[in-house]
Amino acid sequence: MLSPLPWLLLILVGLASSSTYIPGRRMGMRRGWNSRRISAHSMGALSLDDFQTYNYTQTLDHFNYDPESYTTFQQKYVINFKHWGGPNNTSPIFVWTGQEAPLEIEWDADDLILDIAPRFKALLVYIEHRYYGSSIPFGSMEEAYRNSSTLGYLTSAQALADYAELIVNLKNNLSAENCPVFVYGASYGGMLAAWFRLKYPHIAMAALASSAPILYFEDLTPENGYYSVVTKDFRETSKSCYSTIRQSWFDIDEIATLPDGLQYLTQKFKVCSPLNDTQELKDFLDNLYCGAAQYNYPPSYPVNVMCEAIDGAQENDTLGRILAGAMAIAGDSSCIHLDEGTSTLDGWLWQTCSEMVMPIGRGENDTMFQAMPFDLKNETEFCQRLFGVTPRPHWITTEFGGHDIKTVLKKFASNIIFSNGLRDPYSVGGVLQNISDSLVAIHTTQGAHCMDLFSQSPTNPDWLTAQQEAEINIIDKWISEYKANNLL
């Protein structure tokens, strides 16, 4: 038995599919992406003592001026002063735009920025996203997530305004008004970093948006794009593995029609609770394949691990091979929990039910998965049932743009790096071509989700090293230009 990949299992434990599967929620799979490894750098040269935790009294509603509705909450942020050159040298401030996760599982893993902090004499700031971790309004998570009236303050626009207010306050307190701010983030956090630069260019002079699918909205990206890349990753790794997975969905359905077929599938896949239908099993396998592709990191390369197990399985039947692939990733435990249910205490679920409506689906015969087109009607019914809210699928592009992005951004935007790895399913919704000299797209054909934020290491693939060096050189150029202009 191949050894399991505990980092991927951690991702999947928190993402067990519900019986009501909504493909458009796929973005939440990136939660825990930076559990991929603990680098020697982050545990050595930079100890936990180098990071100081603070709380900022943050405005709950940045866009309401009614004094009677004025409310605040405590927003967590972390600072590392170790390498900062100070305000007198206009040394830069690198700000991590937090995503949909507690800060504890984010700030100690963006290793590339930790690596380059000494070179730039940078102050490192990590800001937790509202409604996640300990940055919870209304006193408790239960109260904050009580209903749509309290959850209504969980929006990307409010989060960006949080970052703006906190950064301005911090710079004032440090007498660092002239120090350039560079924002960066990963996945949803990368989207926020790009949008922050567009919305608050007077606060952030540049941004790095890692694996940020800012174009996976409305009709900007084919809805089957995500699953097409997952399929391509598996097919390029092993055509027989791809064929086995493709066939398995039909075999599962066929067995389920037989007497005691669901009981057989329950036992075959070591499911802890008896299966009521095949969808929860198929959703679980769907998540395994997508997680393996999205986080196909070296040195283990989970797509390779799964395909080697599927192709080399002792059992000759299709489902036996599929089970071998699943066990290679999830570990050969006594039984597997498929359904953790749907919780209203899930902030990302709220965000996908309100404004972050990503039309991720798949058609008939265009991926290795069974057809499941994105259905806004079903999505709306689900969100109304869970939160009493109707999704707004057109709002993100209204708020931040996206249509004709090359023409639009070329006219007014600058200093954003869009980085992607083309083996990442979300790369299809990213910016993959340069828009101007200062709106730069850097991608690698082999990279996975947010992989460019790995720590620099001699063991990294050459293509990853080249991608990181390109990003660092651009950051260096922009900071140098800022300082030169600031001295005029």
Protein backbone atom coordinates (compact mmCIF):
# COMPACT_ATOMS: atom_id res chain seq x y z
CA MET A 1 0.00 0.00 0.00
CA LEU A 2 1.35 3.40 -0.93
CA SER A 3 1.66 5.77 2.00
CA PRO A 4 -1.24 8.24 2.37
CA LEU A 5 -0.79 11.97 1.86
CA PRO A 6 -1.90 13.51 5.17
CA TRP A 7 -1.96 17.09 3.86
CA LEU A 8 -4.49 16.14 1.17
CA LEU A 9 -6.52 14.16 3.67
CA LEU A 10 -6.74 17.26 5.86
CA ILE A 11 -8.12 19.19 2.92
CA LEU A 12 -10.68 16.54 2.12
CA VAL A 13 -11.85 15.98 5.70
CA GLY A 14 -13.15 19.53 5.80
CA LEU A 15 -14.67 19.21 2.35
CA ALA A 16 -16.64 16.01 2.55
CA SER A 17 -19.48 16.39 0.14
CA SER A 18 -23.02 16.95 1.27
CA SER A 19 -25.95 15.08 -0.20
CA THR A 20 -26.81 18.30 -2.01
CA TYR A 21 -23.72 18.78 -4.13
CA ILE A 22 -23.25 22.19 -5.72
CA PRO A 23 -20.34 22.24 -8.22
CA GLY A 24 -19.99 26.00 -7.96
CA ARG A 25 -18.64 25.62 -4.44
CA ARG A 26 -15.47 24.02 -5.71
CA MET A 27 -13.44 27.09 -4.73
CA GLY A 28 -13.63 26.04 -1.08
CA MET A 29 -11.37 23.08 -1.88
CA ARG A 30 -8.39 25.26 -1.71
CA ARG A 31 -8.89 25.61 2.03
CA GLY A 32 -5.76 24.24 3.68
CA TRP A 33 -3.65 24.44 0.51
CA ASN A 34 -0.66 25.59 2.50
CA SER A 35 -0.69 22.52 4.72
CA ARG A 36 1.46 21.02 1.98
CA ARG A 37 4.63 21.05 4.02
CA ILE A 38 6.44 22.75 6.87
CA SER A 39 9.62 24.15 5.42
CA ALA A 40 12.91 24.12 7.26
CA HIS A 41 12.99 27.85 6.72
CA SER A 42 9.74 28.62 8.46
CA MET A 43 10.63 26.43 11.41
CA GLY A 44 14.27 27.45 11.56
CA ALA A 45 15.62 30.84 10.61
CA LEU A 46 12.23 32.41 11.38
CA SER A 47 10.86 31.14 14.68
CA LEU A 48 7.39 31.74 15.97
CA ASP A 49 8.88 34.35 18.30
CA ASP A 50 9.44 36.57 15.26
CA PHE A 51 5.68 36.98 14.81
CA GLN A 52 3.59 39.23 17.00
CA THR A 53 -0.20 38.99 17.14
CA TYR A 54 -2.48 42.01 17.44
CA ASN A 55 -6.16 42.84 17.25
CA TYR A 56 -7.53 45.86 15.44
CA THR A 57 -10.88 47.42 16.35
CA GLN A 58 -12.44 47.13 12.93
CA THR A 59 -15.56 48.79 11.52
CA LEU A 60 -18.29 46.26 10.83
CA ASP A 61 -20.00 48.20 8.04
CA HIS A 62 -17.73 50.52 6.08
CA PHE A 63 -20.55 51.73 3.87
CA ASN A 64 -23.22 52.76 6.39
CA TYR A 65 -23.05 56.14 8.12
CA ASP A 66 -26.00 55.67 10.47
CA PRO A 67 -24.55 56.25 13.99
CA GLU A 68 -27.12 53.91 15.53
CA SER A 69 -25.89 51.02 13.43
CA TYR A 70 -22.20 51.61 14.10
CA THR A 71 -20.59 48.41 15.36
CA THR A 72 -17.01 47.16 15.58
CA PHE A 73 -15.28 43.82 15.99
CA GLN A 74 -11.76 42.64 16.76
CA GLN A 75 -9.79 41.70 13.65
CA LYS A 76 -6.67 39.64 14.09
CA TYR A 77 -3.42 40.43 12.34
CA VAL A 78 0.19 39.29 12.72
CA ILE A 79 3.39 41.28 12.16
CA ASN A 80 6.98 40.22 11.66
CA PHE A 81 9.39 43.12 12.26
CA LYS A 82 12.57 41.04 12.06
CA HIS A 83 13.88 42.27 8.71
CA TRP A 84 12.16 45.61 8.38
CA GLY A 85 14.46 48.46 7.45
CA GLY A 86 12.12 50.99 9.03
CA PRO A 87 10.21 54.03 7.79
CA ASN A 88 13.30 56.22 7.33
CA ASN A 89 14.51 53.91 4.57
CA THR A 90 11.05 53.68 2.99
CA SER A 91 11.35 49.94 3.42
CA PRO A 92 8.36 48.07 1.98
CA ILE A 93 5.43 46.52 3.80
CA PHE A 94 4.31 43.14 2.47
CA VAL A 95 0.66 42.47 3.35
CA TRP A 96 -1.01 39.08 3.10
CA THR A 97 -4.69 39.47 2.18
CA GLY A 98 -6.29 36.73 4.23
CA GLN A 99 -8.68 34.25 2.70
CA GLU A 100 -11.49 32.01 3.94
CA ALA A 101 -9.53 30.32 6.70
CA PRO A 102 -8.13 31.05 10.16
CA LEU A 103 -4.89 33.01 10.00
CA GLU A 104 -3.03 30.26 11.87
CA ILE A 105 -3.07 27.97 8.85
CA GLU A 106 -2.10 30.75 6.44
CA TRP A 107 0.64 33.04 7.67
CA ASP A 108 3.30 30.45 8.42
CA ALA A 109 3.20 28.95 4.93
CA ASP A 110 3.64 31.70 2.36
CA ASP A 111 7.26 30.76 2.34
CA LEU A 112 8.42 32.65 -0.74
CA ILE A 113 7.65 35.98 0.87
CA LEU A 114 9.39 34.89 4.07
CA ASP A 115 12.40 34.03 1.94
CA ILE A 116 12.61 37.40 0.23
CA ALA A 117 11.79 39.58 3.25
CA PRO A 118 15.50 40.03 4.16
CA ARG A 119 16.38 41.03 0.59
CA PHE A 120 13.80 43.82 0.61
CA LYS A 121 14.09 44.68 4.33
CA ALA A 122 10.34 44.19 4.40
CA LEU A 123 7.81 44.36 7.18
CA LEU A 124 5.50 41.35 7.00
CA VAL A 125 1.82 41.79 7.85
CA TYR A 126 -0.81 39.03 7.76
CA ILE A 127 -4.46 40.05 8.08
CA GLU A 128 -7.23 37.60 8.90
CA HIS A 129 -10.39 37.75 6.79
CA ARG A 130 -13.53 38.82 8.64
CA TYR A 131 -15.81 35.99 9.82
CA TYR A 132 -12.94 33.48 9.82
CA GLY A 133 -10.63 32.34 12.58
CA SER A 134 -11.00 34.66 15.57
CA SER A 135 -12.04 37.74 13.56
CA ILE A 136 -15.71 37.16 14.31
CA PRO A 137 -18.24 40.01 14.62
CA PHE A 138 -21.17 40.03 17.09
CA GLY A 139 -19.24 38.30 19.85
CA SER A 140 -19.45 34.69 18.74
CA MET A 141 -19.55 32.54 15.63
CA GLU A 142 -23.05 31.35 16.46
CA GLU A 143 -24.32 34.93 16.58
CA ALA A 144 -22.30 36.08 13.56
CA TYR A 145 -23.63 33.18 11.49
CA ARG A 146 -27.15 33.37 12.94
CA ASN A 147 -28.93 34.45 9.77
CA SER A 148 -28.62 36.61 6.67
CA SER A 149 -28.95 39.82 8.68
CA THR A 150 -25.67 39.14 10.49
CA LEU A 151 -23.98 37.28 7.63
CA GLY A 152 -24.78 40.13 5.27
CA TYR A 153 -21.55 41.85 6.35
CA LEU A 154 -19.47 38.96 5.02
CA THR A 155 -18.60 40.30 1.56
CA SER A 156 -15.45 40.79 -0.45
CA ALA A 157 -16.00 44.57 -0.56
CA GLN A 158 -16.20 44.76 3.24
CA ALA A 159 -13.08 42.57 3.52
CA LEU A 160 -11.13 44.86 1.17
CA ALA A 161 -12.25 47.87 3.17
CA ASP A 162 -11.03 46.10 6.33
CA TYR A 163 -7.59 45.72 4.80
CA ALA A 164 -7.55 49.34 3.66
CA GLU A 165 -8.50 50.74 7.06
CA LEU A 166 -6.08 48.51 8.95
CA ILE A 167 -3.15 49.22 6.62
CA VAL A 168 -3.66 52.99 6.78
CA ASN A 169 -3.91 52.86 10.56
CA LEU A 170 -0.80 50.69 10.84
CA LYS A 171 1.25 52.96 8.59
CA ASN A 172 0.21 55.98 10.62
CA ASN A 173 1.17 54.29 13.88
CA LEU A 174 4.55 53.30 12.48
CA SER A 175 5.18 56.71 10.86
CA ALA A 176 5.52 54.70 7.66
CA GLU A 177 3.30 56.78 5.37
CA ASN A 178 5.98 56.80 2.65
CA CYS A 179 6.68 53.07 2.78
CA PRO A 180 5.33 51.18 -0.26
CA VAL A 181 2.72 48.51 0.40
CA PHE A 182 2.81 45.30 -1.60
CA VAL A 183 -0.24 43.04 -1.18
CA TYR A 184 -0.30 39.39 -2.06
CA GLY A 185 -2.60 36.45 -1.61
CA ALA A 186 -3.43 32.94 -2.75
CA SER A 187 -6.56 31.68 -4.53
CA TYR A 188 -9.50 33.69 -3.12
CA GLY A 189 -6.91 35.72 -1.22
CA GLY A 190 -5.13 36.28 -4.53
CA MET A 191 -8.37 37.56 -6.02
CA LEU A 192 -8.63 39.96 -3.10
CA ALA A 193 -5.04 41.10 -3.64
CA ALA A 194 -5.71 41.92 -7.30
CA TRP A 195 -8.99 43.65 -6.49
CA PHE A 196 -7.34 45.58 -3.66
CA ARG A 197 -4.79 47.02 -6.04
CA LEU A 198 -7.61 48.01 -8.42
CA LYS A 199 -9.83 49.50 -5.71
CA TYR A 200 -7.18 51.04 -3.44
CA PRO A 201 -4.21 51.96 -5.66
CA HIS A 202 -3.37 54.85 -3.32
CA ILE A 203 -2.75 52.32 -0.52
CA ALA A 204 -1.09 49.40 -2.34
CA MET A 205 1.51 50.16 -4.98
CA ALA A 206 1.51 46.56 -6.31
CA ALA A 207 0.00 43.11 -5.92
CA LEU A 208 0.80 39.45 -6.48
CA ALA A 209 -2.33 37.38 -7.20
CA SER A 210 -1.39 33.71 -6.97
CA SER A 211 -3.80 31.25 -8.62
CA ALA A 212 -6.56 33.86 -8.57
CA PRO A 213 -9.51 32.89 -10.82
CA ILE A 214 -10.93 36.40 -11.14
CA LEU A 215 -12.53 35.43 -14.48
CA TYR A 216 -14.49 32.37 -13.30
CA PHE A 217 -17.77 34.29 -13.27
CA GLU A 218 -20.78 34.66 -15.53
CA ASP A 219 -19.89 33.78 -19.12
CA LEU A 220 -16.21 34.69 -18.90
CA THR A 221 -14.90 31.12 -18.54
CA PRO A 222 -16.44 27.87 -19.84
CA GLU A 223 -18.20 26.24 -16.92
CA ASN A 224 -16.52 22.90 -17.60
CA GLY A 225 -13.06 24.50 -17.46
CA TYR A 226 -12.23 23.32 -13.96
CA TYR A 227 -13.13 19.69 -14.63
CA SER A 228 -11.49 19.77 -18.04
CA VAL A 229 -8.14 20.54 -16.44
CA VAL A 230 -8.63 17.81 -13.81
CA THR A 231 -9.37 15.40 -16.64
CA LYS A 232 -6.32 16.56 -18.61
CA ASP A 233 -4.08 16.09 -15.55
CA PHE A 234 -5.18 12.48 -15.13
CA ARG A 235 -5.21 11.63 -18.85
CA GLU A 236 -1.67 12.97 -19.33
CA THR A 237 -0.49 10.99 -16.31
CA SER A 238 -2.05 7.70 -17.42
CA LYS A 239 -4.61 7.01 -20.14
CA SER A 240 -5.59 3.73 -18.52
CA CYS A 241 -6.11 5.47 -15.18
CA TYR A 242 -8.24 8.10 -16.88
CA SER A 243 -10.30 5.40 -18.64
CA THR A 244 -10.84 3.50 -15.39
CA ILE A 245 -12.12 6.60 -13.61
CA ARG A 246 -14.36 7.49 -16.52
CA GLN A 247 -15.89 4.00 -16.58
CA SER A 248 -16.30 3.77 -12.80
CA TRP A 249 -19.27 6.15 -12.57
CA PHE A 250 -21.34 3.91 -14.82
CA ASP A 251 -20.28 0.79 -12.90
CA ILE A 252 -21.32 2.39 -9.60
CA ASP A 253 -24.73 3.27 -11.02
CA GLU A 254 -25.19 -0.19 -12.51
CA ILE A 255 -24.33 -1.99 -9.28
CA ALA A 256 -26.67 0.31 -7.35
CA THR A 257 -29.63 -0.97 -9.39
CA LEU A 258 -29.00 -4.56 -8.27
CA PRO A 259 -30.57 -6.10 -5.15
CA ASP A 260 -28.39 -5.13 -2.18
CA GLY A 261 -26.28 -3.06 -4.59
CA LEU A 262 -25.96 -0.11 -2.20
CA GLN A 263 -24.95 -2.48 0.58
CA TYR A 264 -22.30 -3.95 -1.69
CA LEU A 265 -20.95 -0.47 -2.50
CA THR A 266 -20.96 0.45 1.20
CA GLN A 267 -18.81 -2.57 2.00
CA LYS A 268 -16.66 -2.29 -1.10
CA PHE A 269 -15.62 1.29 -0.36
CA LYS A 270 -15.49 0.83 3.44
CA VAL A 271 -18.09 3.52 4.00
CA CYS A 272 -18.84 4.08 7.71
CA SER A 273 -22.59 4.62 7.26
CA PRO A 274 -24.83 2.71 4.84
CA LEU A 275 -25.22 4.44 1.49
CA ASN A 276 -28.67 5.83 0.75
CA ASP A 277 -27.78 6.52 -2.89
CA THR A 278 -24.72 6.64 -5.10
CA GLN A 279 -24.34 10.42 -5.19
CA GLU A 280 -22.54 10.79 -1.87
CA LEU A 281 -19.99 8.15 -2.90
CA LYS A 282 -19.49 9.78 -6.29
CA ASP A 283 -19.14 13.20 -4.68
CA PHE A 284 -16.46 11.82 -2.37
CA LEU A 285 -14.50 10.39 -5.29
CA ASP A 286 -15.03 13.62 -7.23
CA ASN A 287 -13.41 15.55 -4.36
CA LEU A 288 -10.50 13.12 -4.22
CA TYR A 289 -9.70 13.51 -7.92
CA CYS A 290 -10.13 17.27 -7.91
CA GLY A 291 -8.08 17.67 -4.74
CA ALA A 292 -5.29 15.52 -6.18
CA ALA A 293 -5.19 17.60 -9.36
CA GLN A 294 -5.47 20.98 -7.68
CA TYR A 295 -2.76 20.18 -5.15
CA ASN A 296 -0.53 18.08 -7.38
CA TYR A 297 2.61 19.13 -5.52
CA PRO A 298 6.05 17.57 -5.54
CA PRO A 299 7.62 15.42 -4.38
CA SER A 300 4.58 13.16 -3.98
CA TYR A 301 2.45 14.33 -6.93
CA PRO A 302 -0.88 12.86 -5.74
CA VAL A 303 -2.27 12.41 -9.26
CA ASN A 304 0.67 10.10 -9.93
CA VAL A 305 0.08 8.34 -6.61
CA MET A 306 -3.57 7.72 -7.42
CA CYS A 307 -2.91 6.54 -10.96
CA GLU A 308 -0.08 4.23 -9.94
CA ALA A 309 -2.41 2.65 -7.38
CA ILE A 310 -5.29 2.38 -9.86
CA ASP A 311 -3.15 0.93 -12.63
CA GLY A 312 -1.25 -1.44 -10.33
CA ALA A 313 -4.17 -2.69 -8.24
CA GLN A 314 -4.35 -6.40 -7.41
CA GLU A 315 -8.07 -6.45 -8.18
CA ASN A 316 -9.04 -6.59 -11.83
CA ASP A 317 -12.50 -5.05 -11.52
CA THR A 318 -12.92 -1.30 -12.14
CA LEU A 319 -14.22 -0.48 -8.67
CA GLY A 320 -11.45 -2.44 -7.02
CA ARG A 321 -8.92 -0.30 -8.86
CA ILE A 322 -10.81 2.87 -7.93
CA LEU A 323 -10.76 1.82 -4.27
CA ALA A 324 -6.99 1.28 -4.47
CA GLY A 325 -6.57 4.82 -5.81
CA ALA A 326 -8.77 6.27 -3.08
CA MET A 327 -6.92 4.40 -0.34
CA ALA A 328 -3.59 5.60 -1.70
CA ILE A 329 -4.71 9.15 -0.94
CA ALA A 330 -7.12 8.86 1.97
CA GLY A 331 -5.26 6.11 3.80
CA ASP A 332 -6.45 2.57 4.42
CA SER A 333 -8.57 3.33 7.50
CA SER A 334 -11.20 1.06 9.04
CA CYS A 335 -13.97 3.06 7.37
CA ILE A 336 -14.50 6.28 5.44
CA HIS A 337 -16.89 9.07 6.42
CA LEU A 338 -18.40 10.44 3.22
CA ASP A 339 -20.90 13.01 4.40
CA GLU A 340 -20.11 15.67 6.99
CA GLY A 341 -23.34 17.45 6.08
CA THR A 342 -24.01 21.07 5.27
CA SER A 343 -23.45 23.64 7.99
CA THR A 344 -24.70 27.20 8.16
CA LEU A 345 -21.50 27.94 10.12
CA ASP A 346 -19.55 27.81 6.87
CA GLY A 347 -18.49 31.26 5.74
CA TRP A 348 -17.47 30.20 2.26
CA LEU A 349 -20.82 28.54 1.77
CA TRP A 350 -22.44 31.90 2.52
CA GLN A 351 -20.10 33.68 0.15
CA THR A 352 -20.92 31.31 -2.70
CA CYS A 353 -24.61 31.77 -1.93
CA SER A 354 -24.39 35.54 -2.11
CA GLU A 355 -21.79 37.04 -4.46
CA MET A 356 -19.04 34.47 -5.19
CA VAL A 357 -21.17 32.55 -7.67
CA MET A 358 -18.74 30.54 -9.78
CA PRO A 359 -20.53 28.61 -12.55
CA ILE A 360 -18.47 25.44 -12.32
CA GLY A 361 -20.05 22.40 -13.96
CA ARG A 362 -19.52 19.81 -16.65
CA GLY A 363 -21.39 18.63 -19.68
CA GLU A 364 -21.99 15.27 -21.27
CA ASN A 365 -18.82 13.47 -22.39
CA ASP A 366 -16.52 16.50 -22.07
CA THR A 367 -14.63 15.34 -18.95
CA MET A 368 -13.87 12.08 -17.18
CA PHE A 369 -16.79 12.83 -14.86
CA GLN A 370 -20.51 12.34 -15.34
CA ALA A 371 -22.50 15.30 -16.58
CA MET A 372 -23.53 17.88 -14.00
CA PRO A 373 -24.07 21.29 -15.61
CA PHE A 374 -24.11 24.35 -13.40
CA ASP A 375 -27.74 25.08 -12.61
CA LEU A 376 -28.47 28.51 -11.17
CA LYS A 377 -32.02 27.47 -10.35
CA ASN A 378 -30.83 24.59 -8.17
CA GLU A 379 -28.17 26.84 -6.65
CA THR A 380 -30.78 29.45 -5.81
CA GLU A 381 -33.14 26.91 -4.24
CA PHE A 382 -30.29 25.52 -2.13
CA CYS A 383 -29.22 28.97 -0.92
CA GLN A 384 -32.75 30.10 -0.18
CA ARG A 385 -33.35 26.92 1.80
CA LEU A 386 -30.12 27.24 3.78
CA PHE A 387 -29.78 31.00 4.26
CA GLY A 388 -32.94 32.58 2.85
CA VAL A 389 -30.82 34.47 0.32
CA THR A 390 -30.81 34.62 -3.48
CA PRO A 391 -27.39 34.49 -5.19
CA ARG A 392 -26.28 37.49 -7.23
CA PRO A 393 -24.32 35.91 -10.09
CA HIS A 394 -23.59 39.19 -11.87
CA TRP A 395 -22.39 41.23 -8.91
CA ILE A 396 -18.68 40.35 -8.87
CA THR A 397 -18.16 41.47 -12.45
CA THR A 398 -20.21 44.59 -11.72
CA GLU A 399 -18.11 45.37 -8.65
CA PHE A 400 -14.65 44.41 -9.93
CA GLY A 401 -14.98 43.95 -13.69
CA GLY A 402 -13.93 41.05 -15.86
CA HIS A 403 -15.56 41.54 -19.23
CA ASP A 404 -13.09 42.67 -21.90
CA ILE A 405 -10.49 42.71 -19.15
CA LYS A 406 -7.49 43.35 -21.41
CA THR A 407 -8.94 46.54 -22.86
CA VAL A 408 -10.37 47.78 -19.57
CA LEU A 409 -7.40 47.18 -17.30
CA LYS A 410 -4.91 48.42 -19.87
CA LYS A 411 -6.55 51.84 -19.61
CA PHE A 412 -6.12 52.40 -15.88
CA ALA A 413 -4.53 49.49 -13.96
CA SER A 414 -0.89 48.66 -13.26
CA ASN A 415 1.51 46.68 -11.07
CA ILE A 416 -0.25 43.34 -10.71
CA ILE A 417 1.36 39.94 -11.16
CA PHE A 418 -1.09 37.18 -12.05
CA SER A 419 0.65 33.86 -11.42
CA ASN A 420 -0.72 30.44 -12.32
CA GLY A 421 0.21 26.82 -12.86
CA LEU A 422 -1.65 25.25 -15.76
CA ARG A 423 -2.17 21.94 -13.97
CA ASP A 424 -4.29 23.87 -11.48
CA PRO A 425 -7.98 23.54 -12.44
CA TYR A 426 -8.57 27.16 -11.39
CA SER A 427 -6.02 28.43 -13.88
CA VAL A 428 -8.71 28.45 -16.57
CA GLY A 429 -10.30 31.37 -14.72
CA GLY A 430 -7.03 33.23 -14.25
CA VAL A 431 -5.29 35.92 -16.28
CA LEU A 432 -2.86 33.99 -18.49
CA GLN A 433 -1.64 36.69 -20.88
CA ASN A 434 0.14 39.96 -20.25
CA ILE A 435 -2.21 42.91 -20.41
CA SER A 436 0.49 45.59 -20.33
CA ASP A 437 4.10 46.01 -19.25
CA SER A 438 2.96 46.24 -15.63
CA LEU A 439 -0.01 43.84 -15.72
CA VAL A 440 1.98 40.67 -16.00
CA ALA A 441 0.87 37.06 -16.35
CA ILE A 442 3.40 34.43 -15.32
CA HIS A 443 2.47 30.78 -15.63
CA THR A 444 4.09 27.37 -15.83
CA THR A 445 2.73 24.33 -17.60
CA GLN A 446 3.49 22.04 -14.64
CA GLY A 447 2.49 24.22 -11.69
CA ALA A 448 -0.39 23.43 -9.33
CA HIS A 449 -2.56 25.68 -7.14
CA CYS A 450 -0.58 28.52 -5.50
CA MET A 451 2.63 26.58 -5.98
CA ASP A 452 4.66 29.72 -6.74
CA LEU A 453 4.41 30.60 -3.02
CA PHE A 454 6.45 27.56 -2.04
CA SER A 455 9.66 28.28 -0.20
CA GLN A 456 12.67 28.63 -2.45
CA SER A 457 14.68 25.42 -2.35
CA PRO A 458 17.42 23.72 -4.37
CA THR A 459 15.09 20.73 -4.66
CA ASN A 460 12.36 22.75 -6.38
CA PRO A 461 11.84 22.02 -10.09
CA ASP A 462 13.72 24.38 -12.39
CA TRP A 463 10.48 25.73 -13.86
CA LEU A 464 9.24 26.68 -10.39
CA THR A 465 12.51 28.41 -9.57
CA ALA A 466 12.30 30.35 -12.83
CA GLN A 467 8.71 31.41 -12.10
CA GLN A 468 9.62 32.61 -8.62
CA GLU A 469 12.69 34.49 -9.81
CA ALA A 470 10.61 36.24 -12.46
CA GLU A 471 8.12 37.35 -9.80
CA ILE A 472 10.86 38.51 -7.43
CA ASN A 473 12.58 40.53 -10.16
CA ILE A 474 9.33 42.29 -11.02
CA ILE A 475 8.67 43.11 -7.36
CA ASP A 476 12.23 44.43 -7.08
CA LYS A 477 11.70 46.62 -10.13
CA TRP A 478 8.44 48.10 -8.87
CA ILE A 479 9.81 48.82 -5.40
CA SER A 480 12.91 50.44 -6.89
CA GLU A 481 10.76 52.60 -9.14
CA TYR A 482 8.60 53.62 -6.19
CA LYS A 483 11.60 54.64 -4.14
CA ALA A 484 13.16 56.53 -7.03
CA ASN A 485 9.93 58.45 -7.65
CA ASN A 486 9.50 59.07 -3.93
CA LEU A 487 12.89 60.80 -3.79
CA LEU A 488 12.08 63.24 -6.59
